[in-house]
Amino acid sequence: MRFLLMLILVSFSAAAHAEQTLDCDGWKNKASQFMSWRQQGMPISEAVKDTPGNLSRGLLLRAYAEPIAEDYESQFFAAKQFSETVYEECRASRQQQE
């Protein structure tokens, strides 16, 4: 019984750790996708359904806090800029952890 409980706890912590250790390129891609959804006008209720994990949802909420740009070029730039910002933050965080 204790072994089963330990196995369950380890699997939950492994899943949480896997999300936390997603590489910076992965976070950059997520940021780009989330901001693209925002710029395209996807409702946040739909975006949340497709976003598992608390860290990812936090990033999604951050993207949805930004305004929608008026034209396609500005929308593209907003997604690119947001993803680059997230990437740089991730890299800085990784360097501090080392």
Protein backbone atom coordinates (compact mmCIF):
# COMPACT_ATOMS: atom_id res chain seq x y z
CA MET A 1 0.00 0.00 0.00
CA ARG A 2 2.80 2.42 0.87
CA PHE A 3 4.56 1.54 -2.37
CA LEU A 4 1.42 2.43 -4.36
CA LEU A 5 1.08 5.73 -2.53
CA MET A 6 4.74 6.52 -3.13
CA LEU A 7 4.40 5.64 -6.82
CA ILE A 8 1.42 7.99 -7.18
CA LEU A 9 3.26 10.85 -5.46
CA VAL A 10 6.35 10.37 -7.60
CA SER A 11 4.31 10.36 -10.82
CA PHE A 12 2.56 13.61 -9.86
CA SER A 13 5.80 15.32 -8.94
CA ALA A 14 7.46 14.06 -12.13
CA ALA A 15 4.68 15.57 -14.23
CA ALA A 16 5.00 18.91 -12.44
CA HIS A 17 8.77 18.82 -12.80
CA ALA A 18 8.52 18.03 -16.52
CA GLU A 19 6.48 21.18 -17.10
CA GLN A 20 8.89 23.29 -15.05
CA THR A 21 11.93 22.05 -16.95
CA LEU A 22 10.51 22.74 -20.40
CA ASP A 23 13.34 24.36 -22.31
CA CYS A 24 13.33 28.04 -23.18
CA ASP A 25 12.67 27.32 -26.85
CA GLY A 26 9.53 25.47 -25.80
CA TRP A 27 8.37 28.43 -23.72
CA LYS A 28 9.10 30.74 -26.63
CA ASN A 29 6.92 28.61 -28.90
CA LYS A 30 4.11 28.54 -26.34
CA ALA A 31 4.32 32.30 -25.91
CA SER A 32 4.10 32.80 -29.66
CA GLN A 33 1.10 30.49 -29.91
CA PHE A 34 -0.71 32.11 -26.99
CA MET A 35 -0.16 35.62 -28.30
CA SER A 36 -1.25 34.53 -31.77
CA TRP A 37 -4.48 33.22 -30.26
CA ARG A 38 -4.92 36.54 -28.46
CA GLN A 39 -4.26 38.57 -31.57
CA GLN A 40 -6.66 36.44 -33.61
CA GLY A 41 -9.39 37.12 -31.07
CA MET A 42 -9.78 33.57 -29.75
CA PRO A 43 -11.88 33.76 -26.57
CA ILE A 44 -9.86 33.07 -23.45
CA SER A 45 -12.39 30.41 -22.44
CA GLU A 46 -11.43 28.43 -25.56
CA ALA A 47 -7.71 29.03 -25.11
CA VAL A 48 -7.75 27.78 -21.52
CA LYS A 49 -9.33 24.50 -22.63
CA ASP A 50 -6.31 23.85 -24.85
CA THR A 51 -3.76 24.82 -22.18
CA PRO A 52 -2.82 22.23 -19.56
CA GLY A 53 -0.72 23.11 -16.52
CA ASN A 54 -0.60 26.07 -14.18
CA LEU A 55 2.64 27.53 -15.56
CA SER A 56 1.32 27.43 -19.10
CA ARG A 57 -1.96 28.98 -18.02
CA GLY A 58 -0.04 31.76 -16.29
CA LEU A 59 1.74 32.49 -19.55
CA LEU A 60 -1.58 32.38 -21.39
CA LEU A 61 -3.11 34.91 -18.98
CA ARG A 62 -0.09 37.12 -19.49
CA ALA A 63 -0.63 37.05 -23.26
CA TYR A 64 -4.32 37.81 -22.84
CA ALA A 65 -3.49 40.84 -20.69
CA GLU A 66 -2.05 42.46 -23.82
CA PRO A 67 -4.23 44.47 -26.22
CA ILE A 68 -5.17 43.21 -29.67
CA ALA A 69 -3.28 45.03 -32.44
CA GLU A 70 -5.24 46.56 -35.29
CA ASP A 71 -3.56 45.11 -38.38
CA TYR A 72 -1.96 41.80 -39.31
CA GLU A 73 1.59 43.14 -39.34
CA SER A 74 1.20 44.60 -35.85
CA GLN A 75 -0.34 41.35 -34.62
CA PHE A 76 2.59 39.38 -35.99
CA PHE A 77 5.04 41.80 -34.37
CA ALA A 78 3.20 41.55 -31.02
CA ALA A 79 3.45 37.74 -31.07
CA LYS A 80 7.13 37.85 -32.03
CA GLN A 81 7.98 40.46 -29.40
CA PHE A 82 6.08 38.61 -26.67
CA SER A 83 7.77 35.31 -27.47
CA GLU A 84 11.21 36.94 -27.52
CA THR A 85 10.54 38.57 -24.14
CA VAL A 86 9.49 35.24 -22.64
CA TYR A 87 12.56 33.55 -24.13
CA GLU A 88 14.92 36.15 -22.65
CA GLU A 89 13.22 35.90 -19.24
CA CYS A 90 13.56 32.12 -19.35
CA ARG A 91 17.25 32.31 -20.26
CA ALA A 92 17.93 34.79 -17.48
CA SER A 93 16.11 32.55 -15.01
CA ARG A 94 18.12 29.50 -16.13
CA GLN A 95 21.40 31.40 -15.72
CA GLN A 96 20.46 32.44 -12.19
CA GLN A 97 19.71 28.82 -11.31
CA GLU A 98 23.18 27.66 -12.42
